[in-house]
Amino acid sequence: MNVNKNLKSGNSYYASQSDVWDSVSHYESRYSMKSETSDLSELMEKKQADFDSFIKYFNLDNDANGLAMFSGDKVVSVEIFNRTNVYAEYFHKLIRATAMEIFYMNKDESKMQKDDALDILNMEIIKLEKAEFNDFPGLAAGTERRYDSEEFSCHSLSYNDKQIHFSFLNV
């Protein structure tokens, strides 16, 4: 059972270990590799050189507090934080995690124009506004909003009506 379903049924932030293993199995198949212990970190280490060749093109903008990553004309992920220093702390982890998702997608090498990227993001926001969601007490503090969708995974954390973190992943 995923975290969202568990929270709805009152079972806290628990994720089924079998779901985790299924996810690792998906990556094993995608990368034609095997982890003896179904450890995602082990797979990432084996693909380190490939990921490094991909992520070397991404540089932190010290004035930014988030990023949107695309593959072709598809939004793959969006991460937004309430402070630039928090974003800077997570920047390389976010790029590496997204690299796992898009590294083997069909790559469109053409450059996207900023206006086109904004239009695509706006379409995703419209989908998000129409999606069902549930609010739950945050793990430590605040309110966590989790969206129910087969198309994407999305959650946000707010505290005193101020957004702390927003995470969106197209699946």
Protein backbone atom coordinates (compact mmCIF):
# COMPACT_ATOMS: atom_id res chain seq x y z
CA MET A 1 0.00 0.00 0.00
CA ASN A 2 1.34 3.45 -0.83
CA VAL A 3 1.73 6.30 1.66
CA ASN A 4 -1.29 8.21 0.38
CA LYS A 5 -3.62 5.20 0.81
CA ASN A 6 -2.18 4.53 4.27
CA LEU A 7 -2.74 8.11 5.36
CA LYS A 8 -6.36 7.97 4.17
CA SER A 9 -6.96 4.85 6.22
CA GLY A 10 -5.28 6.37 9.28
CA ASN A 11 -2.15 4.21 9.15
CA SER A 12 0.43 7.03 9.12
CA TYR A 13 3.37 7.51 6.76
CA TYR A 14 3.96 3.83 6.12
CA ALA A 15 5.03 2.53 2.70
CA SER A 16 4.73 -1.14 1.86
CA GLN A 17 8.11 -2.83 1.50
CA SER A 18 6.74 -4.89 -1.39
CA ASP A 19 5.87 -1.63 -3.21
CA VAL A 20 9.46 -0.48 -2.68
CA TRP A 21 10.79 -3.77 -4.06
CA ASP A 22 8.43 -3.48 -7.05
CA SER A 23 9.83 -0.03 -7.75
CA VAL A 24 13.41 -1.32 -7.58
CA SER A 25 12.42 -4.18 -9.87
CA HIS A 26 11.11 -1.62 -12.37
CA TYR A 27 14.49 0.13 -12.40
CA GLU A 28 16.33 -3.19 -12.67
CA SER A 29 14.32 -3.95 -15.78
CA ARG A 30 14.72 -0.44 -17.20
CA TYR A 31 18.51 -0.50 -16.74
CA SER A 32 18.97 -4.23 -17.53
CA MET A 33 20.73 -4.66 -14.19
CA LYS A 34 20.21 -6.64 -11.01
CA SER A 35 20.61 -5.73 -7.36
CA GLU A 36 21.09 -8.77 -5.18
CA THR A 37 19.37 -7.02 -2.27
CA SER A 38 16.79 -4.97 -4.26
CA ASP A 39 18.68 -1.84 -3.23
CA LEU A 40 18.03 1.21 -5.38
CA SER A 41 21.24 2.87 -4.17
CA GLU A 42 23.21 -0.07 -5.54
CA LEU A 43 21.65 0.41 -8.97
CA MET A 44 22.39 4.14 -8.86
CA GLU A 45 26.04 3.44 -7.99
CA LYS A 46 26.33 1.08 -10.97
CA LYS A 47 24.95 3.79 -13.29
CA GLN A 48 26.96 6.60 -11.64
CA ALA A 49 29.12 7.37 -14.69
CA ASP A 50 26.05 7.57 -16.97
CA PHE A 51 24.21 9.84 -14.55
CA ASP A 52 27.29 12.01 -14.04
CA SER A 53 27.56 12.57 -17.80
CA PHE A 54 23.95 13.76 -17.75
CA ILE A 55 23.92 15.92 -14.61
CA LYS A 56 27.16 17.78 -15.30
CA TYR A 57 25.15 20.21 -17.44
CA PHE A 58 23.08 21.43 -14.48
CA ASN A 59 24.32 24.32 -12.38
CA LEU A 60 22.77 25.74 -9.26
CA ASP A 61 21.32 29.22 -9.57
CA ASN A 62 21.89 30.70 -6.11
CA ASP A 63 18.84 32.96 -6.48
CA ALA A 64 16.47 30.08 -7.30
CA ASN A 65 14.29 28.19 -4.86
CA GLY A 66 13.13 25.44 -7.25
CA LEU A 67 13.32 23.87 -10.66
CA ALA A 68 11.21 22.19 -13.33
CA MET A 69 12.78 19.46 -15.44
CA PHE A 70 11.52 18.38 -18.84
CA SER A 71 12.13 15.57 -21.28
CA GLY A 72 11.07 16.78 -24.70
CA ASP A 73 7.79 18.57 -24.13
CA LYS A 74 6.89 16.64 -20.97
CA VAL A 75 7.30 17.97 -17.44
CA VAL A 76 9.13 15.24 -15.55
CA SER A 77 9.47 16.89 -12.16
CA VAL A 78 8.97 20.15 -10.31
CA GLU A 79 10.49 20.88 -6.89
CA ILE A 80 9.95 24.16 -5.06
CA PHE A 81 11.20 25.13 -1.60
CA ASN A 82 10.40 28.13 0.57
CA ARG A 83 14.07 29.18 0.85
CA THR A 84 17.00 29.30 -1.55
CA ASN A 85 19.42 27.76 0.97
CA VAL A 86 17.17 24.71 1.42
CA TYR A 87 16.87 24.32 -2.35
CA ALA A 88 20.65 24.59 -2.68
CA GLU A 89 21.08 21.81 -0.12
CA TYR A 90 18.86 19.45 -2.12
CA PHE A 91 19.80 20.56 -5.66
CA HIS A 92 22.25 17.76 -6.56
CA LYS A 93 20.02 15.06 -5.04
CA LEU A 94 17.05 16.36 -7.05
CA ILE A 95 19.02 16.38 -10.29
CA ARG A 96 20.36 12.87 -9.66
CA ALA A 97 16.89 11.50 -8.80
CA THR A 98 15.37 13.05 -11.90
CA ALA A 99 18.24 11.73 -14.00
CA MET A 100 17.11 8.23 -13.02
CA GLU A 101 13.67 9.01 -14.42
CA ILE A 102 14.64 10.67 -17.69
CA PHE A 103 18.01 9.16 -18.56
CA TYR A 104 16.48 6.40 -20.65
CA MET A 105 13.50 8.32 -22.02
CA ASN A 106 13.49 9.26 -25.66
CA LYS A 107 15.63 12.33 -25.59
CA ASP A 108 14.67 15.35 -27.61
CA GLU A 109 17.91 17.28 -28.01
CA SER A 110 16.19 20.45 -29.20
CA LYS A 111 16.21 23.42 -26.87
CA MET A 112 12.87 24.44 -25.42
CA GLN A 113 12.01 28.10 -25.36
CA LYS A 114 11.14 29.63 -21.99
CA ASP A 115 7.62 30.61 -23.14
CA ASP A 116 6.94 27.02 -24.29
CA ALA A 117 8.14 25.64 -20.96
CA LEU A 118 5.88 28.06 -19.08
CA ASP A 119 2.91 27.06 -21.25
CA ILE A 120 3.52 23.38 -20.54
CA LEU A 121 3.88 24.08 -16.80
CA ASN A 122 0.61 26.02 -16.84
CA MET A 123 -1.15 23.03 -18.43
CA GLU A 124 0.17 20.81 -15.62
CA ILE A 125 -1.03 23.32 -13.03
CA ILE A 126 -4.51 23.20 -14.57
CA LYS A 127 -4.50 19.39 -14.26
CA LEU A 128 -3.31 19.72 -10.67
CA GLU A 129 -6.09 22.18 -9.80
CA LYS A 130 -8.68 19.66 -11.06
CA ALA A 131 -7.17 16.68 -9.22
CA GLU A 132 -8.53 15.28 -5.99
CA PHE A 133 -6.38 15.73 -2.92
CA ASN A 134 -6.37 15.07 0.78
CA ASP A 135 -4.79 17.09 3.57
CA PHE A 136 -3.03 15.30 6.43
CA PRO A 137 -1.08 16.46 9.48
CA GLY A 138 2.58 16.81 8.52
CA LEU A 139 4.98 14.21 9.84
CA ALA A 140 6.65 16.73 12.17
CA ALA A 141 4.60 19.89 11.72
CA GLY A 142 2.34 21.65 9.27
CA THR A 143 -0.10 20.21 6.75
CA GLU A 144 0.74 17.83 3.96
CA ARG A 145 -1.42 17.84 0.84
CA ARG A 146 -1.32 14.65 -1.25
CA TYR A 147 -2.95 14.38 -4.67
CA ASP A 148 -4.72 11.31 -6.02
CA SER A 149 -3.81 10.76 -9.65
CA GLU A 150 -2.66 7.95 -11.91
CA GLU A 151 -0.90 10.55 -14.09
CA PHE A 152 1.34 12.16 -11.51
CA SER A 153 2.59 12.03 -7.94
CA CYS A 154 2.35 15.29 -6.06
CA HIS A 155 2.49 16.50 -2.49
CA SER A 156 3.15 19.75 -0.72
CA LEU A 157 3.93 20.77 2.82
CA SER A 158 2.69 24.00 4.32
CA TYR A 159 3.08 25.54 7.74
CA ASN A 160 0.94 28.45 9.00
CA ASP A 161 -0.58 28.73 5.51
CA LYS A 162 2.86 29.17 3.89
CA GLN A 163 4.16 26.60 1.46
CA ILE A 164 7.39 24.99 2.64
CA HIS A 165 7.90 22.39 -0.09
CA PHE A 166 6.14 21.35 -3.30
CA SER A 167 7.01 18.18 -5.22
CA PHE A 168 5.51 17.02 -8.53
CA LEU A 169 6.54 13.96 -10.56
CA ASN A 170 4.91 12.87 -13.79
CA VAL A 171 4.59 9.08 -13.84
